[in-house]
N, C-alpha and C. Protein backbone atom coordinates (compact mmCIF):
# COMPACT_ATOMS: atom_id res chain seq x y z
N UNK A 1 -5.28 -11.56 -14.42
CA UNK A 1 -4.50 -12.77 -14.66
C UNK A 1 -5.35 -13.89 -15.24
N UNK A 2 -6.68 -13.77 -15.11
CA UNK A 2 -7.56 -14.82 -15.61
C UNK A 2 -8.45 -14.36 -16.76
N UNK A 3 -8.56 -13.07 -16.94
CA UNK A 3 -9.47 -12.54 -17.95
C UNK A 3 -10.89 -12.38 -17.44
N UNK A 4 -11.15 -12.72 -16.19
CA UNK A 4 -12.48 -12.55 -15.63
C UNK A 4 -12.78 -11.06 -15.51
N UNK A 5 -13.96 -10.67 -15.93
CA UNK A 5 -14.35 -9.26 -15.81
C UNK A 5 -15.39 -9.13 -14.71
N UNK A 6 -15.10 -8.24 -13.78
CA UNK A 6 -16.03 -7.94 -12.70
C UNK A 6 -16.32 -6.45 -12.73
N UNK A 7 -17.49 -6.08 -12.27
CA UNK A 7 -17.84 -4.67 -12.16
C UNK A 7 -17.34 -4.18 -10.81
N UNK A 8 -16.44 -3.20 -10.82
CA UNK A 8 -15.93 -2.63 -9.59
C UNK A 8 -16.97 -1.66 -9.02
N UNK A 9 -17.38 -1.90 -7.80
CA UNK A 9 -18.31 -1.01 -7.12
C UNK A 9 -17.55 -0.41 -5.93
N UNK A 10 -17.16 0.85 -6.02
CA UNK A 10 -16.38 1.46 -4.93
C UNK A 10 -17.24 1.73 -3.70
N UNK A 11 -16.70 1.40 -2.55
CA UNK A 11 -17.36 1.65 -1.27
C UNK A 11 -16.45 2.49 -0.40
N UNK A 12 -17.01 3.15 0.57
CA UNK A 12 -16.24 3.92 1.54
C UNK A 12 -15.90 3.03 2.73
N UNK A 13 -15.17 1.96 2.45
CA UNK A 13 -14.73 1.05 3.50
C UNK A 13 -15.47 -0.27 3.50
N UNK A 14 -14.96 -1.17 4.32
CA UNK A 14 -15.53 -2.52 4.40
C UNK A 14 -16.92 -2.54 5.00
N UNK A 15 -17.19 -1.66 5.96
CA UNK A 15 -18.49 -1.67 6.63
C UNK A 15 -19.66 -1.58 5.67
N UNK A 16 -19.73 -0.54 4.84
CA UNK A 16 -20.84 -0.45 3.89
C UNK A 16 -20.85 -1.60 2.87
N UNK A 17 -19.68 -2.05 2.47
CA UNK A 17 -19.62 -3.17 1.51
C UNK A 17 -20.15 -4.45 2.15
N UNK A 18 -19.80 -4.67 3.42
CA UNK A 18 -20.30 -5.85 4.13
C UNK A 18 -21.82 -5.82 4.26
N UNK A 19 -22.38 -4.65 4.51
CA UNK A 19 -23.84 -4.53 4.58
C UNK A 19 -24.46 -5.02 3.28
N UNK A 20 -23.89 -4.58 2.16
CA UNK A 20 -24.46 -4.96 0.86
C UNK A 20 -24.25 -6.43 0.52
N UNK A 21 -23.11 -7.00 0.88
CA UNK A 21 -22.93 -8.42 0.56
C UNK A 21 -23.77 -9.30 1.47
N UNK A 22 -23.88 -8.92 2.74
CA UNK A 22 -24.70 -9.69 3.67
C UNK A 22 -26.18 -9.63 3.31
N UNK A 23 -26.60 -8.52 2.70
CA UNK A 23 -28.00 -8.37 2.33
C UNK A 23 -28.30 -8.88 0.92
N UNK A 24 -27.26 -9.32 0.20
CA UNK A 24 -27.47 -9.85 -1.15
C UNK A 24 -27.46 -8.80 -2.24
N UNK A 25 -27.12 -7.55 -1.92
CA UNK A 25 -27.05 -6.50 -2.93
C UNK A 25 -25.90 -6.71 -3.91
N UNK A 26 -24.81 -7.30 -3.43
CA UNK A 26 -23.68 -7.67 -4.29
C UNK A 26 -23.39 -9.15 -4.04
N UNK A 27 -22.76 -9.79 -5.03
CA UNK A 27 -22.56 -11.23 -4.96
C UNK A 27 -21.16 -11.65 -4.53
N UNK A 28 -20.18 -10.78 -4.72
CA UNK A 28 -18.81 -11.15 -4.39
C UNK A 28 -18.06 -9.91 -3.93
N UNK A 29 -17.09 -10.12 -3.07
CA UNK A 29 -16.32 -8.99 -2.55
C UNK A 29 -14.93 -9.47 -2.19
N UNK A 30 -13.97 -8.61 -2.43
CA UNK A 30 -12.61 -8.85 -1.95
C UNK A 30 -12.43 -7.97 -0.72
N UNK A 31 -12.08 -8.58 0.41
CA UNK A 31 -11.99 -7.83 1.65
C UNK A 31 -10.83 -8.37 2.47
N UNK A 32 -10.38 -7.56 3.40
CA UNK A 32 -9.35 -7.99 4.34
C UNK A 32 -9.98 -8.93 5.36
N UNK A 33 -9.25 -9.96 5.73
CA UNK A 33 -9.79 -10.94 6.67
C UNK A 33 -10.27 -10.30 7.97
N UNK A 34 -9.51 -9.38 8.59
CA UNK A 34 -9.99 -8.83 9.86
C UNK A 34 -11.38 -8.19 9.79
N UNK A 35 -11.75 -7.65 8.65
CA UNK A 35 -13.07 -7.03 8.51
C UNK A 35 -14.18 -8.06 8.41
N UNK A 36 -13.88 -9.20 7.83
CA UNK A 36 -14.90 -10.19 7.49
C UNK A 36 -14.90 -11.44 8.36
N UNK A 37 -13.85 -11.66 9.13
CA UNK A 37 -13.67 -12.96 9.78
C UNK A 37 -14.84 -13.36 10.68
N UNK A 38 -15.40 -12.42 11.42
CA UNK A 38 -16.52 -12.78 12.29
C UNK A 38 -17.72 -13.28 11.49
N UNK A 39 -17.98 -12.66 10.34
CA UNK A 39 -19.09 -13.09 9.49
C UNK A 39 -18.81 -14.45 8.87
N UNK A 40 -17.55 -14.70 8.53
CA UNK A 40 -17.16 -15.99 7.96
C UNK A 40 -17.32 -17.07 9.03
N UNK A 41 -16.79 -16.81 10.22
CA UNK A 41 -16.87 -17.80 11.30
C UNK A 41 -18.30 -18.07 11.74
N UNK A 42 -19.18 -17.06 11.61
CA UNK A 42 -20.59 -17.22 11.97
C UNK A 42 -21.40 -17.89 10.87
N UNK A 43 -20.77 -18.14 9.72
CA UNK A 43 -21.47 -18.76 8.61
C UNK A 43 -22.33 -17.81 7.79
N UNK A 44 -22.18 -16.52 8.00
CA UNK A 44 -22.95 -15.52 7.25
C UNK A 44 -22.31 -15.22 5.89
N UNK A 45 -21.01 -15.43 5.78
CA UNK A 45 -20.26 -15.26 4.54
C UNK A 45 -19.49 -16.53 4.26
N UNK A 46 -19.34 -16.86 2.99
CA UNK A 46 -18.52 -18.00 2.60
C UNK A 46 -17.25 -17.48 1.97
N UNK A 47 -16.12 -17.79 2.58
CA UNK A 47 -14.82 -17.41 2.02
C UNK A 47 -14.47 -18.40 0.92
N UNK A 48 -14.26 -17.88 -0.27
CA UNK A 48 -13.92 -18.75 -1.40
C UNK A 48 -12.43 -19.01 -1.48
N UNK A 49 -11.62 -18.00 -1.16
CA UNK A 49 -10.17 -18.13 -1.22
C UNK A 49 -9.54 -16.91 -0.55
N UNK A 50 -8.27 -17.06 -0.18
CA UNK A 50 -7.50 -15.92 0.30
C UNK A 50 -6.53 -15.54 -0.80
N UNK A 51 -6.12 -14.27 -0.80
CA UNK A 51 -5.29 -13.76 -1.89
C UNK A 51 -3.80 -13.85 -1.62
N UNK A 52 -3.44 -14.24 -0.41
CA UNK A 52 -2.02 -14.34 -0.06
C UNK A 52 -1.42 -15.62 -0.63
N UNK A 53 -0.10 -15.71 -0.61
CA UNK A 53 0.59 -16.87 -1.19
C UNK A 53 0.39 -18.14 -0.36
N UNK A 54 0.10 -17.97 0.93
CA UNK A 54 -0.13 -19.16 1.76
C UNK A 54 -1.45 -19.01 2.50
N UNK A 55 -1.97 -20.13 2.96
CA UNK A 55 -3.25 -20.11 3.67
C UNK A 55 -3.16 -19.28 4.94
N UNK A 56 -4.29 -18.76 5.33
CA UNK A 56 -4.38 -17.99 6.56
C UNK A 56 -4.49 -18.94 7.75
N UNK A 57 -3.70 -18.69 8.79
CA UNK A 57 -3.81 -19.49 10.00
C UNK A 57 -5.19 -19.35 10.62
N UNK A 58 -5.82 -18.19 10.44
CA UNK A 58 -7.15 -17.95 11.01
C UNK A 58 -8.25 -18.67 10.23
N UNK A 59 -8.00 -18.97 8.96
CA UNK A 59 -8.97 -19.66 8.10
C UNK A 59 -8.25 -20.79 7.36
N UNK A 60 -7.76 -21.79 8.08
CA UNK A 60 -6.89 -22.80 7.46
C UNK A 60 -7.56 -23.67 6.40
N UNK A 61 -8.88 -23.74 6.39
CA UNK A 61 -9.57 -24.56 5.39
C UNK A 61 -9.92 -23.80 4.12
N UNK A 62 -9.57 -22.53 4.08
CA UNK A 62 -9.86 -21.71 2.90
C UNK A 62 -8.64 -21.74 1.98
N UNK A 63 -8.81 -22.18 0.73
CA UNK A 63 -7.66 -22.27 -0.18
C UNK A 63 -7.13 -20.89 -0.59
N UNK A 64 -5.97 -20.91 -1.21
CA UNK A 64 -5.39 -19.68 -1.75
C UNK A 64 -5.72 -19.59 -3.24
N UNK A 65 -5.89 -18.39 -3.75
CA UNK A 65 -6.17 -18.20 -5.17
C UNK A 65 -5.05 -18.81 -6.01
N UNK A 66 -3.82 -18.74 -5.51
CA UNK A 66 -2.67 -19.27 -6.26
C UNK A 66 -2.79 -20.78 -6.52
N UNK A 67 -3.66 -21.49 -5.79
CA UNK A 67 -3.90 -22.90 -6.09
C UNK A 67 -4.51 -23.05 -7.48
N UNK A 68 -5.24 -22.03 -7.91
CA UNK A 68 -5.90 -22.05 -9.21
C UNK A 68 -5.23 -21.12 -10.21
N UNK A 69 -4.78 -19.96 -9.73
CA UNK A 69 -4.15 -18.96 -10.59
C UNK A 69 -2.68 -18.85 -10.18
N UNK A 70 -1.84 -19.54 -10.91
CA UNK A 70 -0.41 -19.60 -10.57
C UNK A 70 0.20 -18.20 -10.49
N UNK A 71 0.92 -17.95 -9.38
CA UNK A 71 1.61 -16.69 -9.20
C UNK A 71 0.79 -15.59 -8.54
N UNK A 72 -0.48 -15.87 -8.26
CA UNK A 72 -1.32 -14.84 -7.65
C UNK A 72 -0.93 -14.67 -6.18
N UNK A 73 -0.61 -13.48 -5.80
CA UNK A 73 -0.22 -13.19 -4.42
C UNK A 73 -0.39 -11.71 -4.16
N UNK A 74 -1.35 -11.38 -3.34
CA UNK A 74 -1.55 -9.98 -2.99
C UNK A 74 -2.13 -9.90 -1.58
N UNK A 75 -1.79 -8.85 -0.91
CA UNK A 75 -2.34 -8.63 0.43
C UNK A 75 -2.35 -7.14 0.72
N UNK A 76 -3.24 -6.77 1.58
CA UNK A 76 -3.28 -5.39 2.04
C UNK A 76 -2.31 -5.24 3.20
N UNK A 77 -1.89 -4.04 3.43
CA UNK A 77 -0.96 -3.81 4.54
C UNK A 77 -1.11 -2.40 5.06
N UNK A 78 -0.68 -2.23 6.27
CA UNK A 78 -0.65 -0.92 6.90
C UNK A 78 0.77 -0.68 7.37
N UNK A 79 1.19 0.56 7.38
CA UNK A 79 2.52 0.90 7.85
C UNK A 79 2.49 2.24 8.55
N UNK A 80 3.56 2.56 9.20
CA UNK A 80 3.68 3.83 9.89
C UNK A 80 4.75 4.64 9.19
N UNK A 81 4.44 5.88 8.88
CA UNK A 81 5.39 6.76 8.23
C UNK A 81 5.57 8.04 9.03
N UNK A 82 6.57 8.78 8.67
CA UNK A 82 6.84 10.07 9.30
C UNK A 82 7.14 11.07 8.19
N UNK A 83 6.97 12.34 8.46
CA UNK A 83 7.25 13.35 7.43
C UNK A 83 8.70 13.29 6.95
N UNK A 84 8.90 13.59 5.67
CA UNK A 84 10.26 13.67 5.13
C UNK A 84 11.06 14.65 5.99
N UNK A 85 12.30 14.33 6.23
CA UNK A 85 13.15 15.19 7.02
C UNK A 85 13.10 14.92 8.52
N UNK A 86 12.29 13.96 8.94
CA UNK A 86 12.27 13.60 10.36
C UNK A 86 13.65 13.08 10.73
N UNK A 87 14.23 13.55 11.82
CA UNK A 87 15.57 13.09 12.19
C UNK A 87 15.66 11.56 12.31
N UNK A 88 16.77 11.02 11.82
CA UNK A 88 17.00 9.57 11.81
C UNK A 88 16.83 8.98 13.20
N UNK A 89 17.29 9.70 14.23
CA UNK A 89 17.18 9.16 15.60
C UNK A 89 15.72 8.93 15.98
N UNK A 90 14.85 9.84 15.56
CA UNK A 90 13.43 9.69 15.87
C UNK A 90 12.82 8.54 15.09
N UNK A 91 13.15 8.44 13.80
CA UNK A 91 12.66 7.34 12.98
C UNK A 91 13.11 6.01 13.57
N UNK A 92 14.38 5.91 13.95
CA UNK A 92 14.90 4.68 14.52
C UNK A 92 14.23 4.33 15.84
N UNK A 93 13.98 5.33 16.67
CA UNK A 93 13.31 5.11 17.96
C UNK A 93 11.88 4.62 17.73
N UNK A 94 11.14 5.28 16.82
CA UNK A 94 9.79 4.84 16.50
C UNK A 94 9.79 3.41 15.96
N UNK A 95 10.72 3.12 15.05
CA UNK A 95 10.82 1.79 14.47
C UNK A 95 11.07 0.74 15.56
N UNK A 96 11.99 1.03 16.46
CA UNK A 96 12.33 0.09 17.55
C UNK A 96 11.10 -0.18 18.42
N UNK A 97 10.39 0.87 18.80
CA UNK A 97 9.23 0.72 19.69
C UNK A 97 8.06 0.03 18.99
N UNK A 98 7.82 0.39 17.75
CA UNK A 98 6.73 -0.26 16.99
C UNK A 98 7.05 -1.74 16.79
N UNK A 99 8.29 -2.05 16.41
CA UNK A 99 8.67 -3.45 16.23
C UNK A 99 8.56 -4.23 17.53
N UNK A 100 8.90 -3.61 18.66
CA UNK A 100 8.78 -4.28 19.95
C UNK A 100 7.31 -4.61 20.24
N UNK A 101 6.43 -3.66 19.94
CA UNK A 101 5.01 -3.92 20.12
C UNK A 101 4.51 -5.04 19.23
N UNK A 102 4.94 -5.02 17.97
CA UNK A 102 4.52 -6.06 17.03
C UNK A 102 5.06 -7.44 17.39
N UNK A 103 6.19 -7.48 18.09
CA UNK A 103 6.80 -8.75 18.50
C UNK A 103 6.19 -9.28 19.80
N UNK A 104 5.44 -8.45 20.51
CA UNK A 104 4.85 -8.86 21.78
C UNK A 104 3.90 -10.05 21.54
N UNK A 105 4.05 -11.13 22.29
CA UNK A 105 3.21 -12.31 22.07
C UNK A 105 1.71 -12.05 22.14
N UNK A 106 1.28 -11.17 23.05
CA UNK A 106 -0.16 -10.87 23.14
C UNK A 106 -0.65 -10.15 21.89
N UNK A 107 0.16 -9.21 21.41
CA UNK A 107 -0.25 -8.48 20.21
C UNK A 107 -0.24 -9.41 19.00
N UNK A 108 0.79 -10.24 18.87
CA UNK A 108 0.85 -11.19 17.76
C UNK A 108 -0.36 -12.12 17.78
N UNK A 109 -0.72 -12.57 18.98
CA UNK A 109 -1.87 -13.48 19.11
C UNK A 109 -3.16 -12.78 18.70
N UNK A 110 -3.31 -11.54 19.09
CA UNK A 110 -4.53 -10.80 18.73
C UNK A 110 -4.62 -10.58 17.23
N UNK A 111 -3.49 -10.20 16.62
CA UNK A 111 -3.47 -10.06 15.16
C UNK A 111 -3.83 -11.39 14.50
N UNK A 112 -3.28 -12.49 15.00
CA UNK A 112 -3.55 -13.81 14.42
C UNK A 112 -5.03 -14.16 14.53
N UNK A 113 -5.65 -13.86 15.68
CA UNK A 113 -7.08 -14.09 15.86
C UNK A 113 -7.91 -13.40 14.80
N UNK A 114 -7.45 -12.22 14.42
CA UNK A 114 -8.17 -11.42 13.43
C UNK A 114 -7.81 -11.79 12.00
N UNK A 115 -6.90 -12.74 11.84
CA UNK A 115 -6.50 -13.14 10.50
C UNK A 115 -5.45 -12.25 9.89
N UNK A 116 -4.77 -11.48 10.71
CA UNK A 116 -3.72 -10.58 10.24
C UNK A 116 -2.36 -11.08 10.72
N UNK A 117 -1.33 -10.57 10.12
CA UNK A 117 0.02 -10.94 10.55
C UNK A 117 0.84 -9.67 10.68
N UNK A 118 1.95 -9.80 11.36
CA UNK A 118 2.82 -8.65 11.54
C UNK A 118 4.05 -8.78 10.65
N UNK A 119 4.61 -7.65 10.30
CA UNK A 119 5.81 -7.62 9.47
C UNK A 119 6.78 -6.66 10.14
N UNK A 120 7.80 -7.22 10.76
CA UNK A 120 8.79 -6.41 11.45
C UNK A 120 9.90 -6.09 10.46
N UNK A 121 10.13 -4.78 10.25
CA UNK A 121 11.12 -4.36 9.26
C UNK A 121 11.95 -3.19 9.79
N UNK A 122 12.98 -2.90 9.05
CA UNK A 122 13.75 -1.68 9.29
C UNK A 122 13.13 -0.59 8.42
N UNK A 123 13.44 0.67 8.69
CA UNK A 123 12.93 1.72 7.80
C UNK A 123 13.37 1.50 6.35
N UNK A 124 14.59 1.09 6.13
CA UNK A 124 15.08 0.87 4.76
C UNK A 124 14.32 -0.27 4.08
N UNK A 125 14.04 -1.34 4.81
CA UNK A 125 13.29 -2.46 4.24
C UNK A 125 11.87 -2.02 3.89
N UNK A 126 11.29 -1.17 4.73
CA UNK A 126 9.94 -0.70 4.46
C UNK A 126 9.90 0.19 3.22
N UNK A 127 10.90 1.03 3.05
CA UNK A 127 10.99 1.87 1.84
C UNK A 127 11.05 0.97 0.60
N UNK A 128 11.86 -0.08 0.66
CA UNK A 128 11.98 -1.02 -0.46
C UNK A 128 10.64 -1.70 -0.73
N UNK A 129 9.97 -2.13 0.34
CA UNK A 129 8.67 -2.79 0.21
C UNK A 129 7.65 -1.87 -0.46
N UNK A 130 7.60 -0.62 -0.04
CA UNK A 130 6.67 0.34 -0.63
C UNK A 130 6.97 0.52 -2.12
N UNK A 131 8.25 0.60 -2.47
CA UNK A 131 8.63 0.75 -3.88
C UNK A 131 8.19 -0.46 -4.70
N UNK A 132 8.38 -1.65 -4.15
CA UNK A 132 7.97 -2.87 -4.86
C UNK A 132 6.46 -2.93 -5.03
N UNK A 133 5.73 -2.58 -3.99
CA UNK A 133 4.26 -2.57 -4.07
C UNK A 133 3.78 -1.53 -5.07
N UNK A 134 4.40 -0.36 -5.07
CA UNK A 134 4.03 0.69 -6.01
C UNK A 134 4.24 0.23 -7.45
N UNK A 135 5.37 -0.42 -7.71
CA UNK A 135 5.67 -0.93 -9.05
C UNK A 135 4.66 -2.01 -9.45
N UNK A 136 4.39 -2.94 -8.55
CA UNK A 136 3.45 -4.02 -8.83
C UNK A 136 2.07 -3.47 -9.19
N UNK A 137 1.57 -2.54 -8.37
CA UNK A 137 0.23 -2.04 -8.59
C UNK A 137 0.16 -1.05 -9.74
N UNK A 138 1.25 -0.36 -10.03
CA UNK A 138 1.27 0.52 -11.21
C UNK A 138 1.07 -0.32 -12.48
N UNK A 139 1.71 -1.47 -12.53
CA UNK A 139 1.55 -2.37 -13.68
C UNK A 139 0.11 -2.88 -13.77
N UNK A 140 -0.47 -3.23 -12.64
CA UNK A 140 -1.84 -3.72 -12.64
C UNK A 140 -2.82 -2.64 -13.08
N UNK A 141 -2.64 -1.42 -12.60
CA UNK A 141 -3.51 -0.32 -12.99
C UNK A 141 -3.38 -0.04 -14.48
N UNK A 142 -2.15 -0.01 -14.97
CA UNK A 142 -1.93 0.24 -16.40
C UNK A 142 -2.59 -0.85 -17.24
N UNK A 143 -2.41 -2.11 -16.86
CA UNK A 143 -2.99 -3.22 -17.60
C UNK A 143 -4.51 -3.14 -17.60
N UNK A 144 -5.09 -2.71 -16.45
CA UNK A 144 -6.55 -2.67 -16.34
C UNK A 144 -7.18 -1.53 -17.14
N UNK A 145 -6.38 -0.50 -17.41
CA UNK A 145 -6.92 0.64 -18.11
C UNK A 145 -7.67 1.60 -17.19
N UNK A 146 -7.59 1.38 -15.88
CA UNK A 146 -8.30 2.24 -14.93
C UNK A 146 -7.78 3.67 -15.02
N UNK A 147 -8.67 4.59 -14.83
CA UNK A 147 -8.32 6.01 -14.85
C UNK A 147 -8.86 6.66 -13.59
N UNK A 148 -8.13 7.62 -13.06
CA UNK A 148 -8.58 8.38 -11.90
C UNK A 148 -9.69 9.32 -12.32
N UNK A 149 -10.70 9.44 -11.50
CA UNK A 149 -11.80 10.36 -11.78
C UNK A 149 -11.43 11.76 -11.38
């Protein structure tokens, strides 16, 4: 969106990447807040911006990229899936129980401490969300010219 060119250095997770940024081997990194928040709070890393549309409650003084790059909004997410053909009753039961856990005040508070948030959805809403994310990132990959090795 800005034309900035960065060299992508693939890592096998945040742990090895954090080792390299903390030691000065790399100069910048995009990471999920839960992986980096302790280093940011300890002053070992400087957060330049968050990639979400609004500021993080866990890092309220860190601006959003969209303050500078209009329309920028991206975040990582995790979800729970089941094999195709899983009976609807089981999917609904799992969804109900997972959503109940995510709505629990203690769990919400812990996620917030880590700089994460919860997203309570129905299975149909989650399918739609995955489709939207797939479309968004397919466009980004195509624009970037990235190729699978």
